[in-house]
Amino acid sequence: MESAAARPRPVLTAASVLPQDADRAALVARVHDPQWDGPCVAAVRGERVVDLTSLAPTVSDLLERDDAATVVREAEGGSTWSLDELLQAPTNRRDVPRLLAPIDLQVIKAAGVTFARSLLERVIEERTGGDPAQAARVRERVGQVVGGALDGIRPGSPEAGKAKELLVAEGLWSQYLEVGIGPDPEVFTKAPVLSAVGTGADIGVLGASVWNNPEPEAVLVVDSRGRVRGATLGNDVNLRDIEGRSALLLSRAKDNNASCAIGPFVRLLDDGFDLDSVRGLDIDLRIDGMDGYVLHGSSSMREISRDVLDLVAATHGSHHQYPDGFVLFTGTLFAPTEDRHAPGAGFTHEYGDIVRISSPRLGALVNTVIPSEQAAPWMFGVRALLRNLARRGVL
C-alpha cells in the first residue's frame, strides 16, 4: 500500500449522509460532547441533533423501551447540535462535538458467507492460501466446477446436500461452503464493545495486509430479548490474505484498531420501515482512490441465502443471551475481483481510499482507509463510559 500521509478527508453534509426519506425516519445517533468529555445518545431530527441522554443514558437503554421510536421523534431533549457541524468536525479531537458510531454497549457480532457470490470468493482465498497472484487461476477452476450449482440453494436443504456431494467429489469442499450451504451459519464476534468508529472517521487496515477489501453490509440492531429494533450500515473490513492463510486467523484479520465502521445512524423499525424493508435493502459502494481510481459495487439483501431472523436466532436464544443487546452484520454480496494494479492481482485497498457505503433508506457511511497502526488509539471503553455517565448523574 501507499503511504497514508496527506490523505484526503471526505466532505460530509447532512444532505449527503441522511436517508432519502429522513423526514419519516426515527434516527438514533451518538455525539461526543466536549462539555462532558463523553458520549450522548441523540435523535436526528432534520438537520438538528437533539440530546436524549437524560431519558436514555445509552443506546442500549433506549432500545429496551417499547416506545423508543416515539421518544426519538417527539421527546423533549437537552442540548442540540447542527448535523452539518458534527459531520464536518475533526474526528479525533475531544474538544469539539462530533459524531460517533451510533451503538454503545451492544456486542458486535457478524454473520459470514451469507451470499453465494462472496461464498465462492472465500473458497478462492482458502485455495490460494491468501496469495492474490493465484486468485485468477483458482477463480476460473472453481467457476468451471461449481458454475451456478449454488444459485438459489437453501442452506441445510436436500439440494444443498447434493451440491456438497458434487464439490466433495471434485475435491473442492471447504469450511466456507460448510457454513455457506450447511445447516449452521457462521456467526462470530467482530469487534469489542465500544470499539466501532462512525461515519467520517478513519477506518483501519492492518499494515501487514496486501490483499484486502471493504465489506458493505446491512447491520441489524437487536435488543436483549432478541427483537430487531433497527438497522444501520457497516463495513466489516476484510483482510483476504490473512484469513486466506487460515480461518483460525479470523480474529487477526477482522479485529484490529478502527477495523469496524458502523453508521451513520440507527434507523428504528416502525410502520414505515419494517423487517421487510430491511430484507429489500439495496446497498451501494463507491471507492475513490487518491490516484483517481474509482470502484463501484452494489448488493441486494434480496439475494441473501438465510433470512435475517434465522441469523438472529443463530445468535440469540436459549443457547446465548445478550443482556445489553447486540448488533449483527448480515454478510455481503460484494467481493471485488477487478484488477487495480497488476493483471490477475485483483482489488486491494490503498491508503487514502475513501469508502462510501450507502442505501436510500439508511443513509451513507463514509470512511478513509489508513493503517490500523496509525488510527487513533481506542481508549474509551466500558469503565470509562460508566464513570463518565455516573459523573454526569444520568445512571
Foldseek 3Di string as FASTA:
>chain_A
DDAQPPFDFDQDAPVFFAFLVNQPFWWWWWKQDLVLLGIFIWTDHPQKIFGPCLVPVFVLRLLVDPCSSVCNVPNHGDDMDGNNLQLPDDQPDSNDMHTWFRHFQAFEKEWEQQFPQVLVVLLLLQVVLLALLCSVVVSVVCCVQCPCQPAPAAAQDVSLVVSQVSCVVVVSDDPSSCQNRHPHTDMDGQEGGGQEGEFREAAAFAPVADAWDWFKFKKFWAHQVLHGFWIWIKTQIARSNQCNNDVVCVCVGGYFHRNIYIDDTTTTDDPVQHLVNVQFWKKKKWKQAPVRDIDIDIDGSVRGNDRPSVVSVSVDDPVDTTNSTHMYTHYHSDDFADDDPDPSSTDDDDFSIWMWMATNNHGIGIHGYDHSVPHDDDDCHDVNSVVSCVVVVSD
